[in-house]
N, C-alpha and C. Protein backbone atom coordinates (compact mmCIF):
# COMPACT_ATOMS: atom_id res chain seq x y z
N UNK A 1 0.70 -1.06 -0.04
CA UNK A 1 0.06 0.20 -0.04
C UNK A 1 1.05 1.12 0.04
N UNK A 2 1.89 1.25 0.87
CA UNK A 2 2.78 2.36 0.85
C UNK A 2 3.42 3.08 -0.32
N UNK A 3 3.80 1.64 -0.98
CA UNK A 3 4.67 1.72 -2.33
C UNK A 3 3.15 2.40 -3.40
N UNK A 4 2.32 1.94 -3.26
CA UNK A 4 1.25 2.63 -4.16
C UNK A 4 0.96 3.94 -4.00
N UNK A 5 0.98 4.39 -2.92
CA UNK A 5 1.17 5.86 -2.16
C UNK A 5 2.00 6.74 -2.99
N UNK A 6 3.12 6.20 -2.87
CA UNK A 6 4.62 7.05 -3.21
C UNK A 6 4.39 7.02 -4.83
N UNK A 7 4.05 5.77 -5.63
CA UNK A 7 4.04 5.67 -6.67
C UNK A 7 2.82 6.80 -7.22
N UNK A 8 1.70 6.72 -6.43
CA UNK A 8 0.87 7.80 -7.23
C UNK A 8 1.19 9.43 -7.30
N UNK A 9 2.07 9.42 -5.91
CA UNK A 9 2.33 11.26 -5.72
C UNK A 9 3.39 11.04 -6.72
N UNK A 10 4.19 10.28 -7.03
CA UNK A 10 5.36 10.61 -8.09
C UNK A 10 4.87 11.03 -9.33
N UNK A 11 3.66 9.86 -9.73
CA UNK A 11 3.04 9.93 -11.27
C UNK A 11 2.57 11.51 -11.18
N UNK A 12 1.66 11.80 -10.12
CA UNK A 12 1.04 13.46 -10.16
C UNK A 12 2.11 14.38 -10.40
N UNK A 13 3.28 14.36 -9.46
CA UNK A 13 4.22 15.12 -9.98
C UNK A 13 4.77 15.03 -11.01
N UNK A 14 4.82 14.40 -11.89
CA UNK A 14 5.51 13.78 -12.92
C UNK A 14 4.38 14.38 -14.20
N UNK A 15 3.26 13.95 -14.08
CA UNK A 15 2.26 14.59 -15.16
C UNK A 15 1.75 16.11 -14.72
N UNK A 16 2.02 16.40 -13.50
CA UNK A 16 2.04 18.22 -13.57
C UNK A 16 2.96 18.86 -14.18
N UNK A 17 3.88 18.38 -14.06
CA UNK A 17 5.13 19.37 -14.57
C UNK A 17 5.31 20.62 -13.86
N UNK A 18 5.69 21.83 -14.20
CA UNK A 18 6.34 22.87 -13.42
C UNK A 18 5.00 23.53 -12.82
N UNK A 19 3.85 23.16 -13.16
CA UNK A 19 2.65 23.93 -12.95
C UNK A 19 2.65 23.95 -11.52
N UNK A 20 3.13 22.61 -10.99
CA UNK A 20 2.88 22.50 -9.37
C UNK A 20 3.68 23.63 -8.67
N UNK A 21 4.74 23.90 -9.29
CA UNK A 21 5.77 24.66 -8.56
C UNK A 21 5.80 26.20 -8.98
N UNK A 22 5.28 26.63 -10.22
CA UNK A 22 5.50 27.81 -10.34
C UNK A 22 4.31 28.54 -10.99
N UNK A 23 3.99 29.81 -11.13
CA UNK A 23 3.63 30.37 -11.57
C UNK A 23 3.40 30.64 -12.89
N UNK A 24 2.90 29.66 -13.91
CA UNK A 24 3.76 29.82 -15.00
C UNK A 24 3.29 30.35 -16.31
N UNK A 25 4.16 30.40 -17.80
CA UNK A 25 3.59 31.06 -18.44
C UNK A 25 2.25 30.31 -19.27
N UNK A 26 1.37 31.44 -19.40
CA UNK A 26 -0.01 30.66 -19.65
C UNK A 26 -0.87 30.94 -19.02
N UNK A 27 -0.54 31.11 -17.19
CA UNK A 27 -1.58 31.37 -16.21
C UNK A 27 -1.73 32.50 -15.92
N UNK A 28 -2.98 32.49 -15.22
CA UNK A 28 -3.57 33.96 -14.44
C UNK A 28 -2.50 34.03 -13.42
N UNK A 29 -2.32 35.21 -13.46
CA UNK A 29 -1.21 36.23 -12.60
C UNK A 29 -2.01 36.02 -11.16
N UNK A 30 -1.72 35.81 -9.99
CA UNK A 30 -2.22 35.78 -8.77
C UNK A 30 -2.48 37.20 -8.60
N UNK A 31 -3.91 37.19 -7.72
CA UNK A 31 -4.52 38.53 -7.81
C UNK A 31 -3.66 38.89 -6.17
N UNK A 32 -3.53 40.42 -6.06
CA UNK A 32 -3.38 40.92 -5.07
C UNK A 32 -2.76 42.57 -4.95
N UNK A 33 -2.69 43.09 -4.28
CA UNK A 33 -2.33 44.67 -4.61
C UNK A 33 -0.85 44.69 -4.16
N UNK A 34 -0.43 45.66 -4.89
CA UNK A 34 0.83 45.60 -4.92
C UNK A 34 1.09 47.03 -4.79
N UNK A 35 2.12 47.46 -4.29
CA UNK A 35 2.65 48.92 -3.92
C UNK A 35 3.98 49.37 -4.19
N UNK A 36 4.60 50.09 -4.86
CA UNK A 36 6.02 50.18 -5.47
C UNK A 36 6.30 51.62 -4.66
N UNK A 37 7.56 52.06 -4.60
CA UNK A 37 8.23 52.94 -3.91
C UNK A 37 7.51 54.30 -4.92
N UNK A 38 7.59 54.16 -6.01
CA UNK A 38 7.05 55.53 -6.95
C UNK A 38 5.62 56.00 -6.48
N UNK A 39 5.11 54.92 -5.55
CA UNK A 39 3.56 55.46 -5.08
C UNK A 39 2.54 54.62 -6.05
N UNK A 40 2.71 53.79 -7.26
CA UNK A 40 2.19 52.87 -8.15
C UNK A 40 1.46 51.70 -7.06
N UNK A 41 0.05 51.88 -7.24
CA UNK A 41 -0.55 50.58 -6.36
C UNK A 41 -0.96 50.12 -7.67
N UNK A 42 -0.96 48.46 -7.55
CA UNK A 42 -2.12 47.75 -8.95
C UNK A 42 -1.93 46.80 -8.66
N UNK A 43 -2.72 45.67 -9.51
CA UNK A 43 -3.12 44.34 -8.97
C UNK A 43 -2.79 43.91 -10.15
N UNK A 44 -1.81 42.81 -10.57
CA UNK A 44 -1.25 42.01 -11.99
C UNK A 44 -2.24 41.29 -12.46
N UNK A 45 -3.30 40.93 -11.74
CA UNK A 45 -4.23 39.87 -12.46
C UNK A 45 -5.29 40.83 -12.90
N UNK A 46 -5.62 42.15 -12.85
CA UNK A 46 -6.53 42.92 -13.67
C UNK A 46 -6.19 43.25 -14.80
N UNK A 47 -7.22 43.29 -15.57
CA UNK A 47 -7.37 43.74 -16.92
C UNK A 47 -7.06 45.26 -16.95
N UNK A 48 -6.81 45.51 -18.06
CA UNK A 48 -7.01 47.11 -18.40
C UNK A 48 -5.79 47.85 -18.47
N UNK A 49 -4.54 47.06 -18.51
CA UNK A 49 -3.30 47.94 -18.48
C UNK A 49 -3.21 48.18 -20.24
N UNK A 50 -2.19 49.03 -20.54
CA UNK A 50 -2.04 49.19 -21.58
C UNK A 50 -0.96 48.55 -22.29
N UNK A 51 0.35 48.18 -21.22
CA UNK A 51 1.49 47.64 -21.69
C UNK A 51 1.69 46.58 -20.59
N UNK A 52 2.78 45.49 -21.55
CA UNK A 52 2.94 44.57 -20.57
C UNK A 52 3.46 45.00 -19.00
N UNK A 53 3.29 44.25 -17.63
CA UNK A 53 3.85 44.35 -16.87
C UNK A 53 5.35 43.56 -16.69
N UNK A 54 6.04 44.03 -16.23
CA UNK A 54 7.54 43.27 -15.95
C UNK A 54 7.95 43.32 -14.59
N UNK A 55 8.02 42.18 -13.89
CA UNK A 55 8.28 41.89 -12.20
C UNK A 55 9.37 41.12 -12.09
N UNK A 56 10.33 41.89 -11.49
CA UNK A 56 11.83 40.93 -11.26
C UNK A 56 11.98 40.55 -10.10
N UNK A 57 12.02 39.36 -9.42
CA UNK A 57 11.75 39.19 -8.00
C UNK A 57 13.49 39.01 -7.95
N UNK A 58 14.11 40.02 -6.59
CA UNK A 58 15.16 39.71 -6.62
C UNK A 58 15.89 39.79 -4.95
N UNK A 59 17.00 39.40 -4.70
CA UNK A 59 17.29 39.44 -3.22
C UNK A 59 18.52 40.47 -3.00
N UNK A 60 19.09 41.17 -2.15
CA UNK A 60 20.42 41.94 -2.26
C UNK A 60 21.41 41.24 -2.07
N UNK A 61 21.57 39.80 -2.15
CA UNK A 61 22.52 39.25 -1.90
C UNK A 61 22.47 38.32 -3.26
N UNK A 62 21.96 38.37 -4.28
CA UNK A 62 22.00 37.44 -5.40
C UNK A 62 22.90 38.18 -6.36
N UNK A 63 23.84 37.30 -6.63
CA UNK A 63 25.24 37.90 -7.84
C UNK A 63 24.35 37.56 -9.43
N UNK A 64 23.28 36.88 -9.66
CA UNK A 64 22.88 37.05 -10.90
C UNK A 64 22.01 38.17 -10.92
N UNK A 65 21.54 38.16 -10.30
CA UNK A 65 20.67 39.75 -10.07
C UNK A 65 21.28 41.05 -10.71
N UNK A 66 22.50 40.66 -10.48
CA UNK A 66 23.45 41.70 -10.28
C UNK A 66 23.66 42.56 -11.73
N UNK A 67 23.37 41.06 -13.00
CA UNK A 67 23.31 41.46 -14.32
C UNK A 67 22.07 41.78 -14.99
N UNK A 68 21.22 41.26 -14.07
CA UNK A 68 19.76 41.20 -14.65
C UNK A 68 18.90 42.78 -14.81
N UNK A 69 19.39 43.14 -13.48
CA UNK A 69 18.56 44.61 -13.13
C UNK A 69 19.46 45.72 -14.08
N UNK A 70 20.56 45.82 -14.20
CA UNK A 70 20.97 46.72 -15.13
C UNK A 70 20.25 46.51 -16.57
N UNK A 71 20.35 45.41 -16.67
CA UNK A 71 19.59 45.29 -18.38
C UNK A 71 17.87 45.96 -18.04
N UNK A 72 17.19 45.22 -17.31
CA UNK A 72 16.03 45.81 -17.04
C UNK A 72 16.14 47.31 -17.00
N UNK A 73 16.95 48.01 -16.15
CA UNK A 73 16.75 49.63 -16.30
C UNK A 73 16.65 49.94 -17.57
N UNK A 74 18.10 49.51 -18.18
CA UNK A 74 18.11 50.04 -19.65
C UNK A 74 16.35 50.04 -20.53
N UNK A 75 15.82 49.01 -20.20
CA UNK A 75 14.70 48.79 -20.78
C UNK A 75 13.67 49.40 -20.28
N UNK A 76 13.65 49.99 -19.37
CA UNK A 76 12.54 51.01 -18.24
C UNK A 76 12.94 52.32 -18.90
N UNK A 77 14.22 52.24 -19.52
CA UNK A 77 14.32 53.92 -19.96
C UNK A 77 13.79 54.12 -21.10
N UNK A 78 13.11 53.02 -21.85
CA UNK A 78 12.19 52.84 -23.22
C UNK A 78 11.09 53.03 -22.94
N UNK A 79 10.48 53.20 -21.56
CA UNK A 79 8.92 53.23 -21.36
C UNK A 79 8.50 52.09 -21.26
N UNK A 80 9.13 51.00 -20.77
CA UNK A 80 8.11 49.79 -20.24
C UNK A 80 8.08 49.87 -18.44
N UNK A 81 7.11 49.39 -18.24
CA UNK A 81 6.47 49.26 -16.47
C UNK A 81 7.24 48.00 -16.08
N UNK A 82 8.10 48.45 -15.31
CA UNK A 82 8.95 47.10 -15.14
C UNK A 82 9.23 47.41 -13.10
N UNK A 83 9.24 46.76 -12.62
CA UNK A 83 8.83 46.78 -10.96
C UNK A 83 10.14 45.87 -10.54
N UNK A 84 10.96 45.86 -9.70
CA UNK A 84 11.64 44.75 -8.97
C UNK A 84 10.83 44.46 -7.78
N UNK A 85 11.08 43.49 -7.04
CA UNK A 85 10.45 42.88 -6.04
C UNK A 85 11.44 42.21 -5.05
N UNK A 86 11.21 42.69 -4.26
CA UNK A 86 12.62 42.62 -3.02
C UNK A 86 12.16 41.50 -2.18
N UNK A 87 12.93 40.63 -1.86
CA UNK A 87 12.28 39.30 -0.80
C UNK A 87 12.39 40.43 0.45
N UNK A 88 11.66 39.21 1.31
CA UNK A 88 11.48 39.58 2.88
C UNK A 88 12.66 39.94 3.49
N UNK A 89 13.83 39.50 3.09
CA UNK A 89 15.14 39.91 3.92
C UNK A 89 15.72 41.13 3.25
N UNK A 90 15.49 41.69 2.41
CA UNK A 90 15.80 42.98 1.31
C UNK A 90 14.94 44.18 2.08
N UNK A 91 15.33 45.07 2.75
CA UNK A 91 14.75 46.13 2.94
C UNK A 91 15.17 47.36 2.40
N UNK A 92 14.96 48.67 2.63
CA UNK A 92 14.97 49.85 1.91
C UNK A 92 16.85 49.53 1.74
N UNK A 93 17.53 49.58 2.84
CA UNK A 93 18.74 50.06 3.24
C UNK A 93 19.63 48.99 2.56
N UNK A 94 19.28 47.61 2.62
CA UNK A 94 19.93 46.54 1.62
C UNK A 94 19.67 46.89 0.29
N UNK A 95 18.57 47.40 0.02
CA UNK A 95 18.10 47.64 -1.29
C UNK A 95 19.23 48.94 -1.83
N UNK A 96 19.25 50.00 -1.11
CA UNK A 96 19.88 51.15 -1.37
C UNK A 96 21.77 50.78 -1.99
N UNK A 97 22.07 49.73 -0.95
CA UNK A 97 23.54 49.28 -0.79
C UNK A 97 23.85 48.28 -2.11
N UNK A 98 22.84 47.73 -2.14
CA UNK A 98 22.67 46.53 -3.76
C UNK A 98 22.64 47.59 -4.75
N UNK A 99 21.87 48.53 -4.78
CA UNK A 99 21.74 49.39 -6.15
C UNK A 99 23.45 50.18 -6.36
N UNK A 100 24.16 50.45 -4.99
CA UNK A 100 25.13 51.15 -5.04
C UNK A 100 26.48 50.35 -5.91
N UNK A 101 26.26 48.71 -5.28
CA UNK A 101 27.05 47.75 -6.10
C UNK A 101 26.99 47.63 -7.39
N UNK A 102 25.70 47.67 -7.87
CA UNK A 102 25.45 47.67 -9.06
C UNK A 102 25.75 48.68 -10.31
N UNK A 103 25.63 49.84 -9.76
CA UNK A 103 26.04 51.29 -10.42
C UNK A 103 27.78 50.88 -10.42
N UNK A 104 28.68 50.74 -9.25
CA UNK A 104 29.90 50.68 -9.13
C UNK A 104 30.37 49.32 -10.38
N UNK A 105 29.27 48.39 -10.42
CA UNK A 105 29.92 46.94 -11.15
C UNK A 105 29.42 47.58 -12.99
N UNK A 106 28.17 47.87 -13.12
CA UNK A 106 27.74 48.26 -14.27
C UNK A 106 27.87 49.83 -15.04
N UNK A 107 27.83 50.76 -14.12
CA UNK A 107 27.98 52.17 -14.12
C UNK A 107 26.30 52.55 -14.66
N UNK A 108 25.43 52.02 -14.56
CA UNK A 108 24.24 52.20 -14.44
C UNK A 108 23.38 52.75 -12.94
N UNK A 109 23.28 53.92 -13.12
CA UNK A 109 21.98 54.06 -11.82
C UNK A 109 20.64 53.19 -11.81
N UNK A 110 20.12 52.86 -11.00
CA UNK A 110 18.88 51.84 -10.64
C UNK A 110 17.97 52.66 -10.06
N UNK A 111 16.84 52.93 -11.00
CA UNK A 111 15.64 53.84 -10.47
C UNK A 111 14.51 53.17 -10.75
N UNK A 112 14.72 52.18 -10.48
CA UNK A 112 13.33 51.33 -10.87
C UNK A 112 12.83 51.24 -9.57
N UNK A 113 11.27 51.39 -9.79
CA UNK A 113 10.75 51.36 -8.42
C UNK A 113 10.64 49.84 -7.71
N UNK A 114 10.43 50.10 -6.44
CA UNK A 114 10.59 48.58 -5.79
C UNK A 114 9.25 48.45 -5.35
N UNK A 115 8.88 46.94 -5.22
CA UNK A 115 8.07 46.67 -4.09
C UNK A 115 8.54 45.52 -3.34
N UNK A 116 8.24 45.95 -2.06
CA UNK A 116 9.29 45.27 -0.97
C UNK A 116 8.12 43.88 -0.55
N UNK A 117 8.54 42.93 -0.54
CA UNK A 117 7.63 41.98 -0.23
C UNK A 117 8.17 41.62 1.36
N UNK A 118 7.45 42.39 1.91
CA UNK A 118 8.13 42.06 3.84
C UNK A 118 7.66 40.93 4.17
N UNK A 119 6.51 40.50 3.67
CA UNK A 119 6.14 39.15 4.72
C UNK A 119 6.37 37.74 3.77
N UNK A 120 6.71 38.18 2.24
CA UNK A 120 6.89 36.86 1.45
C UNK A 120 5.72 36.42 0.80
N UNK A 121 4.62 36.99 0.84
CA UNK A 121 3.55 36.92 0.27
C UNK A 121 3.46 36.81 -1.05
N UNK A 122 4.06 37.62 -1.79
CA UNK A 122 4.24 37.70 -3.34
C UNK A 122 4.98 36.27 -3.52
N UNK A 123 5.90 36.11 -2.95
CA UNK A 123 7.06 35.15 -3.33
C UNK A 123 6.22 33.90 -3.20
N UNK A 124 5.43 33.63 -2.18
CA UNK A 124 4.79 32.12 -2.11
C UNK A 124 3.76 32.21 -3.19
N UNK A 125 2.80 33.39 -3.58
CA UNK A 125 1.62 33.49 -4.51
C UNK A 125 2.33 33.12 -5.95
N UNK A 126 3.53 33.53 -6.28
CA UNK A 126 4.26 33.55 -7.70
C UNK A 126 4.89 32.62 -7.49
N UNK A 127 4.88 31.55 -6.55
CA UNK A 127 6.03 30.59 -6.06
C UNK A 127 7.21 30.47 -6.69
N UNK A 128 8.05 31.53 -6.40
CA UNK A 128 9.18 31.87 -6.36
C UNK A 128 10.31 31.02 -5.52
N UNK A 129 11.22 30.44 -6.17
CA UNK A 129 12.38 29.40 -5.07
C UNK A 129 13.47 30.06 -5.38
N UNK A 130 13.73 30.81 -5.97
CA UNK A 130 15.01 31.54 -5.99
C UNK A 130 15.34 32.84 -6.82
N UNK A 131 16.41 33.42 -7.06
CA UNK A 131 16.70 34.55 -7.45
C UNK A 131 17.48 34.59 -8.75
N UNK A 132 17.54 35.48 -9.55
CA UNK A 132 16.19 36.03 -9.86
C UNK A 132 15.20 35.38 -10.56
N UNK A 133 13.98 35.73 -10.64
CA UNK A 133 12.70 35.43 -11.30
C UNK A 133 12.05 36.68 -11.83
N UNK A 134 11.73 36.27 -13.11
CA UNK A 134 11.25 37.15 -14.10
C UNK A 134 10.20 36.67 -14.56
N UNK A 135 9.20 37.85 -14.56
CA UNK A 135 7.70 37.56 -15.20
C UNK A 135 7.21 38.88 -16.03
N UNK A 136 6.82 38.83 -17.22
CA UNK A 136 6.07 39.30 -18.04
C UNK A 136 4.58 39.15 -18.05
N UNK A 137 3.87 39.74 -17.56
CA UNK A 137 2.33 39.57 -17.57
C UNK A 137 1.57 40.77 -18.49
N UNK A 138 0.51 40.36 -19.26
CA UNK A 138 0.01 41.00 -20.20
C UNK A 138 -1.30 41.89 -19.79
N UNK A 139 -1.74 42.55 -20.67
CA UNK A 139 -2.94 43.49 -19.98
C UNK A 139 -4.00 42.56 -19.90
N UNK A 140 -4.02 41.69 -19.99
CA UNK A 140 -5.20 40.32 -19.52
C UNK A 140 -4.79 39.48 -18.06
N UNK A 141 -3.85 39.94 -17.48
CA UNK A 141 -3.16 39.42 -16.37
C UNK A 141 -2.97 37.92 -16.39
N UNK A 142 -2.38 37.72 -17.55
CA UNK A 142 -1.73 36.44 -18.25
C UNK A 142 -0.37 36.38 -18.22
N UNK A 143 0.30 35.32 -17.46
CA UNK A 143 1.79 35.45 -17.56
C UNK A 143 2.56 34.76 -18.87
N UNK A 144 2.81 35.92 -19.67
CA UNK A 144 3.24 35.51 -20.65
C UNK A 144 4.89 35.08 -21.10
N UNK A 145 5.70 35.16 -19.69
CA UNK A 145 7.11 34.97 -19.82
C UNK A 145 7.48 34.74 -18.48
N UNK A 146 8.27 33.74 -18.51
CA UNK A 146 8.72 33.28 -17.05
C UNK A 146 10.16 33.04 -16.87
N UNK A 147 11.03 33.58 -16.23
CA UNK A 147 12.32 33.08 -16.20
C UNK A 147 12.81 33.01 -14.82
N UNK A 148 13.33 31.63 -14.72
CA UNK A 148 13.67 31.32 -12.99
C UNK A 148 15.22 31.38 -13.49
N UNK A 149 16.00 32.24 -12.89
CA UNK A 149 17.40 32.85 -12.80
C UNK A 149 17.62 33.23 -14.14
N UNK A 150 18.80 33.72 -14.19
CA UNK A 150 19.36 34.68 -14.99
C UNK A 150 20.30 34.19 -16.26
N UNK A 151 19.79 34.48 -17.36
CA UNK A 151 20.92 34.13 -18.67
C UNK A 151 20.57 35.42 -19.68
N UNK A 152 21.74 35.83 -20.00
CA UNK A 152 22.02 37.00 -20.84
C UNK A 152 20.80 36.98 -22.57
N UNK A 153 20.69 35.55 -22.90
CA UNK A 153 19.85 35.39 -24.11
C UNK A 153 18.23 35.52 -23.49
N UNK A 154 17.99 35.56 -22.20
CA UNK A 154 16.21 35.65 -21.75
C UNK A 154 16.18 37.09 -21.74
N UNK A 155 17.13 38.07 -22.10
CA UNK A 155 16.97 39.66 -21.77
C UNK A 155 16.78 39.65 -23.65
N UNK A 156 17.16 38.59 -24.41
CA UNK A 156 16.99 39.04 -26.14
C UNK A 156 15.60 38.82 -26.25
N UNK A 157 15.49 37.64 -25.52
CA UNK A 157 13.95 36.89 -26.07
C UNK A 157 12.60 37.94 -25.51
N UNK A 158 13.03 38.44 -24.25
CA UNK A 158 12.17 39.59 -23.82
C UNK A 158 11.95 40.85 -24.99
N UNK A 159 13.34 41.11 -25.28
CA UNK A 159 13.31 42.54 -26.22
C UNK A 159 12.43 41.96 -27.17
N UNK A 160 12.51 40.84 -28.29
CA UNK A 160 11.94 40.09 -28.99
C UNK A 160 10.36 40.24 -29.30
N UNK A 161 9.85 39.94 -27.92
CA UNK A 161 8.54 40.09 -27.01
C UNK A 161 8.29 41.27 -27.06
N UNK A 162 8.91 42.41 -26.87
CA UNK A 162 8.32 43.40 -26.28
C UNK A 162 8.13 44.28 -27.56
N UNK A 163 8.30 43.75 -28.78
CA UNK A 163 8.46 44.82 -29.97
C UNK A 163 7.35 44.46 -30.64
C-alpha cells in the first residue's frame, strides 16, 4: 500500500510538470495589491493595462541579479513598466547598498520602482524558489513569460517579445 501511495504521488508530480511549482507561462497572475516605491498601486491579475507588466524578483545578495537589473533598467528607460520585487530579507537599506554595488559594477543608476515583499506573500503566490525570477504579465493578467535564473539570452527573448 505504501509503495502505491508513493507511486501515485510521483506520477502526479511527473504529469503536472512545472505548473505545480511555479506560476508559469499561460497562467493567470495571482490577484494581489502591490504598492511600489514610486507610489504605483496595482493588481497584476486585473485587466486593462495598456502595456505588459514586468516583475523581477531579487534579493540583495543575489549575484545573477546584479547582471539582470541593469539590463532591465535600460529597458525601463524605453518606457516599459518594470518593477523590482525585493525578498523579505531585503529592506530599503539593503536595496540602496545593492543598487550602489550595481552602479559600481555596471555604471548604471538603478531607478526602477521597488515593491517590498516584507512578509514573503508575493514570493509564495508567484511560487518563487530562488533569484532572480522574471515575469512578464500581459494586459489581461496572463503570465506570458517566466524566467527562473538569469541568462543573457533571456533578455534578448524579452526584447523580441516586447517589439
